[in-house]
N, C-alpha and C. Protein backbone atom coordinates (compact mmCIF):
# COMPACT_ATOMS: atom_id res chain seq x y z
N MET A 1 0.84 -1.15 -0.06
CA MET A 1 0.02 0.11 0.01
C MET A 1 0.89 1.27 -0.10
N LEU A 2 0.27 2.34 -0.16
CA LEU A 2 0.95 3.60 -0.12
C LEU A 2 1.42 4.14 1.25
N THR A 3 2.70 4.65 1.29
CA THR A 3 3.18 5.20 2.66
C THR A 3 2.47 6.48 2.89
N PRO A 4 2.35 6.94 4.20
CA PRO A 4 1.81 8.26 4.39
C PRO A 4 2.76 9.42 4.04
N ILE A 5 2.34 10.62 4.02
CA ILE A 5 3.21 11.71 3.61
C ILE A 5 4.21 11.92 4.98
N GLU A 6 5.39 12.06 4.65
CA GLU A 6 6.47 12.08 5.73
C GLU A 6 6.89 13.60 5.74
N ARG A 7 7.40 13.93 6.87
CA ARG A 7 7.91 15.39 7.12
C ARG A 7 9.30 15.48 6.38
N LEU A 8 9.58 16.64 5.99
CA LEU A 8 10.79 17.06 5.23
C LEU A 8 11.87 17.19 6.42
N THR A 9 13.09 16.54 6.19
CA THR A 9 14.06 16.66 7.11
C THR A 9 15.05 17.74 6.68
N PRO A 10 15.50 18.48 7.63
CA PRO A 10 16.46 19.66 7.42
C PRO A 10 17.72 19.16 6.91
N LEU A 11 18.55 20.02 6.21
CA LEU A 11 19.69 19.65 5.70
C LEU A 11 20.90 19.70 6.66
N THR A 12 20.63 20.24 7.73
CA THR A 12 21.60 20.29 8.71
C THR A 12 22.36 18.96 9.21
N PRO A 13 21.62 17.92 9.27
CA PRO A 13 22.34 16.63 9.50
C PRO A 13 23.21 16.14 8.54
N LEU A 14 22.91 16.67 7.19
CA LEU A 14 23.99 16.45 6.07
C LEU A 14 25.30 17.05 6.23
N MET A 15 25.16 18.37 6.89
CA MET A 15 26.30 19.17 7.03
C MET A 15 27.10 18.92 8.31
N GLY A 16 26.52 18.06 9.18
CA GLY A 16 27.17 17.79 10.54
C GLY A 16 28.09 16.81 10.54
N ASN A 17 28.60 16.33 9.41
CA ASN A 17 29.65 15.30 9.31
C ASN A 17 30.86 15.93 9.11
N GLU A 18 31.57 16.37 10.29
CA GLU A 18 32.83 17.06 10.31
C GLU A 18 33.90 16.17 11.09
N GLU A 19 33.75 14.85 10.83
CA GLU A 19 34.75 13.93 11.51
C GLU A 19 36.10 13.99 10.72
N LYS A 20 37.04 13.75 11.40
CA LYS A 20 38.31 13.65 10.67
C LYS A 20 38.49 12.26 9.93
N GLN A 21 39.09 12.31 8.83
CA GLN A 21 39.09 10.99 8.02
C GLN A 21 40.60 10.69 7.69
N ASP A 22 41.02 9.49 7.95
CA ASP A 22 42.31 9.04 7.68
C ASP A 22 42.47 8.58 6.17
N ALA A 23 43.57 8.40 5.69
CA ALA A 23 43.84 8.03 4.26
C ALA A 23 43.08 6.82 3.85
N SER A 24 42.96 5.82 4.76
CA SER A 24 42.31 4.53 4.55
C SER A 24 40.79 4.58 4.32
N SER A 25 40.16 5.50 4.92
CA SER A 25 38.64 5.61 4.78
C SER A 25 38.27 6.19 3.52
N PRO A 26 37.16 5.78 2.95
CA PRO A 26 36.71 6.35 1.62
C PRO A 26 36.28 7.76 1.82
N VAL A 27 36.43 8.56 0.68
CA VAL A 27 36.00 9.96 0.75
C VAL A 27 34.50 10.02 0.86
N GLU A 28 34.08 10.94 1.84
CA GLU A 28 32.67 11.04 2.10
C GLU A 28 32.07 11.96 0.95
N GLU A 29 30.93 11.66 0.72
CA GLU A 29 30.16 12.57 -0.33
C GLU A 29 29.84 13.93 0.20
N SER A 30 30.03 14.98 -0.53
CA SER A 30 29.75 16.29 -0.13
C SER A 30 28.39 16.63 -0.07
N VAL A 31 28.10 17.75 0.65
CA VAL A 31 26.58 18.03 0.90
C VAL A 31 25.87 18.14 -0.45
N PHE A 32 26.59 18.79 -1.38
CA PHE A 32 25.95 19.03 -2.73
C PHE A 32 25.54 17.76 -3.38
N GLY A 33 26.34 16.70 -3.29
CA GLY A 33 26.11 15.41 -3.87
C GLY A 33 24.99 14.61 -3.25
N ALA A 34 25.06 14.86 -1.85
CA ALA A 34 24.14 14.19 -0.96
C ALA A 34 22.77 14.84 -1.21
N VAL A 35 22.60 16.07 -1.42
CA VAL A 35 21.25 16.68 -1.79
C VAL A 35 20.66 16.05 -3.16
N PHE A 36 21.68 16.04 -4.12
CA PHE A 36 21.10 15.41 -5.48
C PHE A 36 20.83 14.03 -5.29
N ARG A 37 21.68 13.22 -4.56
CA ARG A 37 21.38 11.82 -4.48
C ARG A 37 19.99 11.56 -3.85
N SER A 38 19.76 12.38 -2.65
CA SER A 38 18.47 12.33 -1.90
C SER A 38 17.37 12.72 -2.90
N ALA A 39 17.40 13.66 -3.61
CA ALA A 39 16.41 14.12 -4.56
C ALA A 39 16.16 12.95 -5.63
N ILE A 40 17.16 12.40 -6.12
CA ILE A 40 16.98 11.30 -7.13
C ILE A 40 16.36 10.07 -6.48
N GLU A 41 16.72 9.78 -5.15
CA GLU A 41 16.10 8.69 -4.51
C GLU A 41 14.64 9.02 -4.25
N ASN A 42 14.33 10.24 -3.95
CA ASN A 42 13.00 10.71 -3.66
C ASN A 42 12.01 10.39 -4.96
N VAL A 43 12.63 10.80 -6.09
CA VAL A 43 11.96 10.66 -7.40
C VAL A 43 11.70 9.14 -7.55
N LYS A 44 12.72 8.29 -7.41
CA LYS A 44 12.52 6.86 -7.61
C LYS A 44 11.40 6.41 -6.78
N GLU A 45 11.42 6.65 -5.42
CA GLU A 45 10.43 6.18 -4.52
C GLU A 45 9.01 6.67 -4.91
N THR A 46 8.89 8.01 -5.22
CA THR A 46 7.56 8.42 -5.54
C THR A 46 7.06 7.98 -6.87
N ASP A 47 7.96 7.56 -7.80
CA ASP A 47 7.48 7.07 -9.04
C ASP A 47 7.17 5.63 -8.72
N ALA A 48 7.77 4.85 -7.94
CA ALA A 48 7.33 3.44 -7.66
C ALA A 48 5.92 3.54 -6.97
N ASP A 49 5.75 4.39 -6.05
CA ASP A 49 4.49 4.64 -5.29
C ASP A 49 3.37 4.92 -6.31
N TYR A 50 3.73 5.85 -7.28
CA TYR A 50 2.72 6.25 -8.25
C TYR A 50 2.40 5.06 -9.16
N LYS A 51 3.31 4.36 -9.59
CA LYS A 51 2.96 3.19 -10.43
C LYS A 51 2.22 2.12 -9.60
N GLU A 52 2.56 1.95 -8.46
CA GLU A 52 1.74 0.99 -7.62
C GLU A 52 0.32 1.41 -7.43
N ALA A 53 0.12 2.63 -7.14
CA ALA A 53 -1.20 3.23 -7.03
C ALA A 53 -2.10 3.10 -8.34
N GLU A 54 -1.49 3.45 -9.39
CA GLU A 54 -1.89 3.15 -10.74
C GLU A 54 -2.47 1.74 -11.04
N TYR A 55 -1.63 0.88 -10.61
CA TYR A 55 -2.07 -0.44 -10.99
C TYR A 55 -3.10 -1.01 -9.97
N LEU A 56 -3.03 -0.58 -8.71
CA LEU A 56 -4.13 -0.91 -7.68
C LEU A 56 -5.44 -0.17 -8.17
N LEU A 57 -5.42 1.06 -8.66
CA LEU A 57 -6.66 1.62 -9.14
C LEU A 57 -7.17 0.99 -10.36
N ALA A 58 -6.31 0.55 -11.34
CA ALA A 58 -6.73 -0.10 -12.50
C ALA A 58 -7.24 -1.49 -12.27
N THR A 59 -6.81 -2.24 -11.21
CA THR A 59 -7.24 -3.57 -11.01
C THR A 59 -8.33 -3.43 -9.92
N GLY A 60 -8.80 -2.36 -9.45
CA GLY A 60 -9.96 -2.27 -8.64
C GLY A 60 -9.61 -2.56 -7.14
N GLN A 61 -8.38 -2.62 -6.74
CA GLN A 61 -7.87 -2.92 -5.46
C GLN A 61 -7.73 -1.79 -4.63
N LEU A 62 -7.76 -0.56 -5.07
CA LEU A 62 -7.53 0.66 -4.20
C LEU A 62 -8.91 1.19 -3.85
N ASP A 63 -9.16 1.16 -2.58
CA ASP A 63 -10.37 1.74 -1.80
C ASP A 63 -10.67 3.14 -2.03
N ASN A 64 -9.51 3.84 -1.96
CA ASN A 64 -9.63 5.35 -1.96
C ASN A 64 -9.03 5.89 -3.31
N PRO A 65 -9.74 6.27 -4.35
CA PRO A 65 -9.11 6.79 -5.63
C PRO A 65 -8.31 7.97 -5.39
N ALA A 66 -8.51 8.75 -4.30
CA ALA A 66 -7.73 9.91 -4.05
C ALA A 66 -6.25 9.69 -3.64
N MET A 67 -6.00 8.43 -3.29
CA MET A 67 -4.65 8.04 -3.05
C MET A 67 -3.73 8.03 -4.43
N ALA A 68 -4.43 7.70 -5.41
CA ALA A 68 -3.74 7.66 -6.80
C ALA A 68 -3.40 9.15 -7.11
N LEU A 69 -4.33 9.90 -6.90
CA LEU A 69 -4.07 11.37 -7.26
C LEU A 69 -3.01 12.08 -6.39
N ILE A 70 -3.06 11.56 -4.94
CA ILE A 70 -1.94 12.18 -4.06
C ILE A 70 -0.55 11.55 -4.54
N ALA A 71 -0.52 10.32 -4.99
CA ALA A 71 0.66 9.68 -5.31
C ALA A 71 1.25 10.41 -6.64
N ALA A 72 0.30 10.76 -7.50
CA ALA A 72 0.61 11.36 -8.78
C ALA A 72 1.19 12.82 -8.58
N SER A 73 0.61 13.51 -7.66
CA SER A 73 1.03 14.84 -7.33
C SER A 73 2.41 14.85 -6.51
N LYS A 74 2.53 13.86 -5.69
CA LYS A 74 3.90 13.72 -5.06
C LYS A 74 4.95 13.42 -6.05
N ASN A 75 4.65 12.50 -7.11
CA ASN A 75 5.68 12.27 -8.03
C ASN A 75 5.96 13.42 -8.94
N GLN A 76 4.95 14.27 -9.29
CA GLN A 76 5.12 15.48 -10.02
C GLN A 76 5.91 16.45 -9.43
N THR A 77 5.73 16.60 -8.11
CA THR A 77 6.53 17.61 -7.20
C THR A 77 7.98 17.19 -7.17
N ALA A 78 8.17 15.83 -6.99
CA ALA A 78 9.48 15.40 -6.73
C ALA A 78 10.32 15.55 -7.97
N VAL A 79 9.79 15.35 -9.22
CA VAL A 79 10.35 15.48 -10.43
C VAL A 79 10.72 16.92 -10.63
N SER A 80 9.77 17.79 -10.38
CA SER A 80 9.94 19.17 -10.61
C SER A 80 10.98 19.85 -9.66
N LEU A 81 11.10 19.32 -8.49
CA LEU A 81 12.15 19.67 -7.64
C LEU A 81 13.49 19.30 -8.20
N LEU A 82 13.70 18.10 -8.51
CA LEU A 82 14.95 17.55 -9.06
C LEU A 82 15.27 18.47 -10.46
N VAL A 83 14.27 18.67 -11.29
CA VAL A 83 14.72 19.49 -12.42
C VAL A 83 15.10 20.95 -11.90
N GLN A 84 14.44 21.50 -11.07
CA GLN A 84 14.79 22.84 -10.53
C GLN A 84 16.33 22.88 -9.91
N LEU A 85 16.61 21.70 -9.22
CA LEU A 85 17.87 21.59 -8.73
C LEU A 85 18.95 21.50 -9.74
N ARG A 86 18.66 20.85 -10.86
CA ARG A 86 19.69 20.60 -11.90
C ARG A 86 19.79 21.99 -12.63
N ASN A 87 18.58 22.67 -12.75
CA ASN A 87 18.72 23.94 -13.52
C ASN A 87 19.48 24.97 -12.67
N ARG A 88 19.38 24.99 -11.42
CA ARG A 88 20.11 25.79 -10.61
C ARG A 88 21.54 25.49 -10.57
N ALA A 89 21.83 24.18 -10.66
CA ALA A 89 23.36 23.84 -10.60
C ALA A 89 23.95 24.18 -11.97
N MET A 90 23.20 23.99 -12.94
CA MET A 90 23.68 24.37 -14.31
C MET A 90 24.01 25.96 -14.38
N ASP A 91 23.10 26.62 -13.81
CA ASP A 91 23.29 28.06 -13.78
C ASP A 91 24.51 28.58 -13.02
N ALA A 92 24.66 27.90 -11.82
CA ALA A 92 25.76 28.13 -10.94
C ALA A 92 27.05 27.69 -11.75
N TYR A 93 27.00 26.66 -12.32
CA TYR A 93 28.33 26.19 -13.19
C TYR A 93 28.56 27.08 -14.29
N SER A 94 27.57 27.66 -15.12
CA SER A 94 27.88 28.62 -16.11
C SER A 94 28.30 29.89 -15.58
N GLU A 95 27.88 30.31 -14.43
CA GLU A 95 28.46 31.54 -13.79
C GLU A 95 29.82 31.40 -13.36
N LEU A 96 30.29 30.13 -12.78
CA LEU A 96 31.57 29.88 -12.37
C LEU A 96 32.51 29.84 -13.62
N THR A 97 32.09 29.43 -14.73
CA THR A 97 32.91 29.36 -15.92
C THR A 97 33.14 30.66 -16.48
N ARG A 98 32.24 31.64 -16.22
CA ARG A 98 32.36 33.00 -16.82
C ARG A 98 33.31 33.78 -16.00
N ILE A 99 33.64 33.43 -14.83
CA ILE A 99 34.67 34.19 -13.91
C ILE A 99 35.97 34.07 -14.48
N SER A 100 36.64 35.31 -14.75
CA SER A 100 37.96 35.35 -15.20
C SER A 100 38.92 35.80 -14.11
N LEU A 101 39.93 35.06 -14.02
CA LEU A 101 40.96 35.41 -12.95
C LEU A 101 42.21 36.00 -13.46
């Protein structure tokens, strides 16, 4: 079945990893990469929920048709957020490439 809407978590736990690393430990992912990875995972999860809700609705197993609409809306919002993150990152990159030293 579909999972309930969860609270958004703040980004501060992602930035709190200030432990010293020695040469043998793997390089930890940056906050920037963690935000993108989190957004991609969110899109994958919401897409799976949406497809499941569509299937359940089509087969008549879904008691509440509004759940399918909610899943579709969550999926659309997650994809839109990922696209906006990508657009902002590309804008920032193009600004950095225009800087002359």
